Amino acid sequence: MVISKRIAQIMLYGGLIGAAVIYLALFNSLSETDMVNFSYIWLPFAVTGAAVLYTGKNTLGFALTCFALAIVALVLFFEIIFPAL
């Protein structure tokens, strides 16, 4: 199955708009922990959209792989690297 360029753009820009809303509009009403937890929602979408757009690999398998790798990278960063800083 092929992912269209339009869907990839929606994923990329939707993720970036989600980040902007969280970090700009809701900054004073959310705790730091909440903002970190929300990154598990917006960042995989933005990464997947960017990967599909900029590599030209527009298959569903590639998109799902990028999505899963983004979540794994977030878990590794927030659970292992970030606490050690």
N, C-alpha and C. Protein backbone atom coordinates (compact mmCIF):
# COMPACT_ATOMS: atom_id res chain seq x y z
N MET A 1 0.84 -1.18 0.00
CA MET A 1 0.00 0.00 0.00
C MET A 1 0.89 1.25 0.00
N VAL A 2 0.46 2.25 -0.71
CA VAL A 2 1.24 3.47 -0.87
C VAL A 2 0.61 4.59 -0.05
N ILE A 3 1.47 5.38 0.58
CA ILE A 3 1.01 6.55 1.32
C ILE A 3 1.20 7.76 0.41
N SER A 4 0.15 8.54 0.25
CA SER A 4 0.24 9.69 -0.64
C SER A 4 1.07 10.80 0.00
N LYS A 5 1.54 11.68 -0.84
CA LYS A 5 2.30 12.84 -0.36
C LYS A 5 1.45 13.70 0.56
N ARG A 6 0.18 13.79 0.26
CA ARG A 6 -0.74 14.61 1.07
C ARG A 6 -0.86 14.06 2.49
N ILE A 7 -0.97 12.74 2.64
CA ILE A 7 -1.06 12.14 3.96
C ILE A 7 0.23 12.37 4.74
N ALA A 8 1.36 12.25 4.06
CA ALA A 8 2.65 12.50 4.72
C ALA A 8 2.75 13.95 5.18
N GLN A 9 2.25 14.87 4.37
CA GLN A 9 2.27 16.29 4.77
C GLN A 9 1.36 16.52 5.97
N ILE A 10 0.21 15.88 5.98
CA ILE A 10 -0.72 16.03 7.11
C ILE A 10 -0.06 15.49 8.38
N MET A 11 0.63 14.36 8.28
CA MET A 11 1.31 13.80 9.44
C MET A 11 2.41 14.74 9.94
N LEU A 12 3.22 15.25 9.03
CA LEU A 12 4.32 16.14 9.41
C LEU A 12 3.80 17.43 10.02
N TYR A 13 2.94 18.13 9.31
CA TYR A 13 2.46 19.42 9.78
C TYR A 13 1.51 19.28 10.97
N GLY A 14 0.74 18.20 11.01
CA GLY A 14 -0.12 17.95 12.16
C GLY A 14 0.70 17.72 13.42
N GLY A 15 1.79 16.97 13.29
CA GLY A 15 2.68 16.76 14.43
C GLY A 15 3.33 18.05 14.89
N LEU A 16 3.76 18.86 13.95
CA LEU A 16 4.39 20.13 14.31
C LEU A 16 3.39 21.12 14.92
N ILE A 17 2.17 21.12 14.41
CA ILE A 17 1.14 21.98 15.00
C ILE A 17 0.80 21.49 16.41
N GLY A 18 0.75 20.17 16.60
CA GLY A 18 0.52 19.63 17.93
C GLY A 18 1.60 20.05 18.91
N ALA A 19 2.85 20.01 18.46
CA ALA A 19 3.96 20.45 19.31
C ALA A 19 3.84 21.93 19.63
N ALA A 20 3.49 22.73 18.65
CA ALA A 20 3.35 24.17 18.87
C ALA A 20 2.24 24.47 19.87
N VAL A 21 1.14 23.76 19.76
CA VAL A 21 0.04 23.97 20.71
C VAL A 21 0.48 23.59 22.12
N ILE A 22 1.15 22.46 22.24
CA ILE A 22 1.57 22.00 23.57
C ILE A 22 2.61 22.93 24.18
N TYR A 23 3.63 23.28 23.41
CA TYR A 23 4.75 24.01 23.98
C TYR A 23 4.60 25.53 23.96
N LEU A 24 3.67 26.04 23.16
CA LEU A 24 3.46 27.49 23.13
C LEU A 24 2.16 27.90 23.80
N ALA A 25 1.07 27.25 23.45
CA ALA A 25 -0.23 27.67 23.98
C ALA A 25 -0.52 27.08 25.36
N LEU A 26 -0.14 25.84 25.59
CA LEU A 26 -0.46 25.17 26.85
C LEU A 26 0.72 25.11 27.82
N PHE A 27 1.76 25.88 27.55
CA PHE A 27 2.98 25.81 28.33
C PHE A 27 2.75 26.05 29.82
N ASN A 28 1.95 27.04 30.17
CA ASN A 28 1.74 27.38 31.58
C ASN A 28 0.76 26.46 32.29
N SER A 29 -0.05 25.74 31.55
CA SER A 29 -1.06 24.90 32.19
C SER A 29 -0.66 23.42 32.28
N LEU A 30 0.45 23.03 31.67
CA LEU A 30 0.90 21.64 31.72
C LEU A 30 2.19 21.53 32.52
N SER A 31 2.34 20.42 33.20
CA SER A 31 3.59 20.18 33.90
C SER A 31 4.63 19.69 32.89
N GLU A 32 5.89 19.70 33.31
CA GLU A 32 6.95 19.23 32.42
C GLU A 32 6.74 17.76 32.07
N THR A 33 6.29 16.99 33.03
CA THR A 33 6.02 15.57 32.78
C THR A 33 4.93 15.39 31.74
N ASP A 34 3.88 16.20 31.81
CA ASP A 34 2.81 16.12 30.81
C ASP A 34 3.33 16.47 29.42
N MET A 35 4.15 17.50 29.34
CA MET A 35 4.69 17.89 28.03
C MET A 35 5.57 16.80 27.45
N VAL A 36 6.37 16.15 28.30
CA VAL A 36 7.20 15.04 27.84
C VAL A 36 6.32 13.89 27.37
N ASN A 37 5.29 13.57 28.13
CA ASN A 37 4.39 12.47 27.74
C ASN A 37 3.64 12.76 26.45
N PHE A 38 3.30 14.02 26.19
CA PHE A 38 2.64 14.37 24.94
C PHE A 38 3.57 14.22 23.73
N SER A 39 4.87 14.22 23.95
CA SER A 39 5.78 14.04 22.82
C SER A 39 5.67 12.64 22.23
N TYR A 40 5.16 11.68 23.01
CA TYR A 40 4.91 10.34 22.48
C TYR A 40 3.78 10.35 21.46
N ILE A 41 3.00 11.40 21.44
CA ILE A 41 1.89 11.50 20.48
C ILE A 41 2.31 12.25 19.23
N TRP A 42 2.86 13.46 19.37
CA TRP A 42 3.11 14.29 18.19
C TRP A 42 4.40 13.93 17.46
N LEU A 43 5.44 13.52 18.17
CA LEU A 43 6.73 13.31 17.52
C LEU A 43 6.75 12.14 16.53
N PRO A 44 6.18 10.97 16.84
CA PRO A 44 6.18 9.90 15.83
C PRO A 44 5.47 10.28 14.53
N PHE A 45 4.39 11.05 14.64
CA PHE A 45 3.70 11.49 13.43
C PHE A 45 4.58 12.44 12.60
N ALA A 46 5.23 13.37 13.27
CA ALA A 46 6.10 14.31 12.56
C ALA A 46 7.29 13.60 11.92
N VAL A 47 7.90 12.67 12.65
CA VAL A 47 9.05 11.92 12.11
C VAL A 47 8.63 11.08 10.91
N THR A 48 7.51 10.40 11.03
CA THR A 48 7.05 9.55 9.93
C THR A 48 6.70 10.38 8.70
N GLY A 49 6.00 11.48 8.89
CA GLY A 49 5.69 12.34 7.75
C GLY A 49 6.93 12.89 7.08
N ALA A 50 7.90 13.32 7.88
CA ALA A 50 9.14 13.84 7.31
C ALA A 50 9.92 12.75 6.58
N ALA A 51 9.97 11.56 7.16
CA ALA A 51 10.71 10.46 6.54
C ALA A 51 10.10 10.07 5.20
N VAL A 52 8.79 9.99 5.14
CA VAL A 52 8.12 9.63 3.89
C VAL A 52 8.32 10.72 2.84
N LEU A 53 8.21 11.98 3.24
CA LEU A 53 8.35 13.08 2.28
C LEU A 53 9.77 13.20 1.75
N TYR A 54 10.75 13.10 2.61
CA TYR A 54 12.11 13.41 2.21
C TYR A 54 12.91 12.24 1.67
N THR A 55 12.46 11.00 1.94
CA THR A 55 13.16 9.86 1.35
C THR A 55 12.51 9.39 0.07
N GLY A 56 11.22 9.70 -0.08
CA GLY A 56 10.51 9.25 -1.27
C GLY A 56 10.00 7.82 -1.15
N LYS A 57 10.31 7.16 -0.04
CA LYS A 57 9.81 5.80 0.19
C LYS A 57 8.42 5.94 0.80
N ASN A 58 7.41 5.71 0.01
CA ASN A 58 6.05 5.99 0.45
C ASN A 58 5.21 4.74 0.66
N THR A 59 5.84 3.66 1.12
CA THR A 59 5.08 2.45 1.39
C THR A 59 4.59 2.46 2.84
N LEU A 60 3.54 1.73 3.08
CA LEU A 60 2.99 1.65 4.42
C LEU A 60 3.97 0.97 5.37
N GLY A 61 4.68 -0.03 4.90
CA GLY A 61 5.67 -0.71 5.73
C GLY A 61 6.76 0.22 6.20
N PHE A 62 7.26 1.06 5.29
CA PHE A 62 8.29 2.03 5.66
C PHE A 62 7.76 3.03 6.68
N ALA A 63 6.53 3.50 6.48
CA ALA A 63 5.93 4.47 7.39
C ALA A 63 5.74 3.86 8.78
N LEU A 64 5.24 2.63 8.84
CA LEU A 64 5.06 1.98 10.14
C LEU A 64 6.38 1.71 10.83
N THR A 65 7.40 1.38 10.06
CA THR A 65 8.74 1.18 10.63
C THR A 65 9.27 2.47 11.21
N CYS A 66 9.13 3.56 10.51
CA CYS A 66 9.57 4.87 11.03
C CYS A 66 8.81 5.24 12.29
N PHE A 67 7.50 5.00 12.28
CA PHE A 67 6.68 5.31 13.44
C PHE A 67 7.14 4.51 14.66
N ALA A 68 7.36 3.21 14.46
CA ALA A 68 7.80 2.35 15.57
C ALA A 68 9.19 2.74 16.06
N LEU A 69 10.10 3.04 15.14
CA LEU A 69 11.46 3.44 15.54
C LEU A 69 11.46 4.76 16.30
N ALA A 70 10.56 5.67 15.93
CA ALA A 70 10.46 6.94 16.65
C ALA A 70 10.00 6.71 18.09
N ILE A 71 9.05 5.81 18.27
CA ILE A 71 8.58 5.51 19.62
C ILE A 71 9.67 4.83 20.43
N VAL A 72 10.37 3.88 19.82
CA VAL A 72 11.47 3.20 20.52
C VAL A 72 12.56 4.20 20.91
N ALA A 73 12.90 5.10 20.00
CA ALA A 73 13.92 6.12 20.30
C ALA A 73 13.47 7.03 21.44
N LEU A 74 12.21 7.40 21.47
CA LEU A 74 11.70 8.23 22.57
C LEU A 74 11.77 7.50 23.90
N VAL A 75 11.36 6.24 23.90
CA VAL A 75 11.42 5.46 25.14
C VAL A 75 12.85 5.34 25.63
N LEU A 76 13.78 5.02 24.73
CA LEU A 76 15.18 4.92 25.13
C LEU A 76 15.71 6.24 25.67
N PHE A 77 15.36 7.33 25.00
CA PHE A 77 15.86 8.62 25.45
C PHE A 77 15.27 9.01 26.80
N PHE A 78 13.94 8.95 26.94
CA PHE A 78 13.30 9.44 28.16
C PHE A 78 13.48 8.51 29.35
N GLU A 79 13.70 7.23 29.11
CA GLU A 79 13.82 6.29 30.21
C GLU A 79 15.28 5.99 30.60
N ILE A 80 16.21 6.16 29.67
CA ILE A 80 17.61 5.82 29.96
C ILE A 80 18.52 7.04 29.95
N ILE A 81 18.50 7.80 28.87
CA ILE A 81 19.46 8.90 28.72
C ILE A 81 19.05 10.12 29.54
N PHE A 82 17.81 10.56 29.44
CA PHE A 82 17.35 11.79 30.11
C PHE A 82 17.53 11.75 31.63
N PRO A 83 17.18 10.65 32.31
CA PRO A 83 17.40 10.63 33.77
C PRO A 83 18.87 10.70 34.17
N ALA A 84 19.78 10.28 33.28
CA ALA A 84 21.20 10.30 33.60
C ALA A 84 21.82 11.68 33.45
N LEU A 85 21.09 12.61 32.85
CA LEU A 85 21.64 13.96 32.64
C LEU A 85 21.63 14.79 33.90
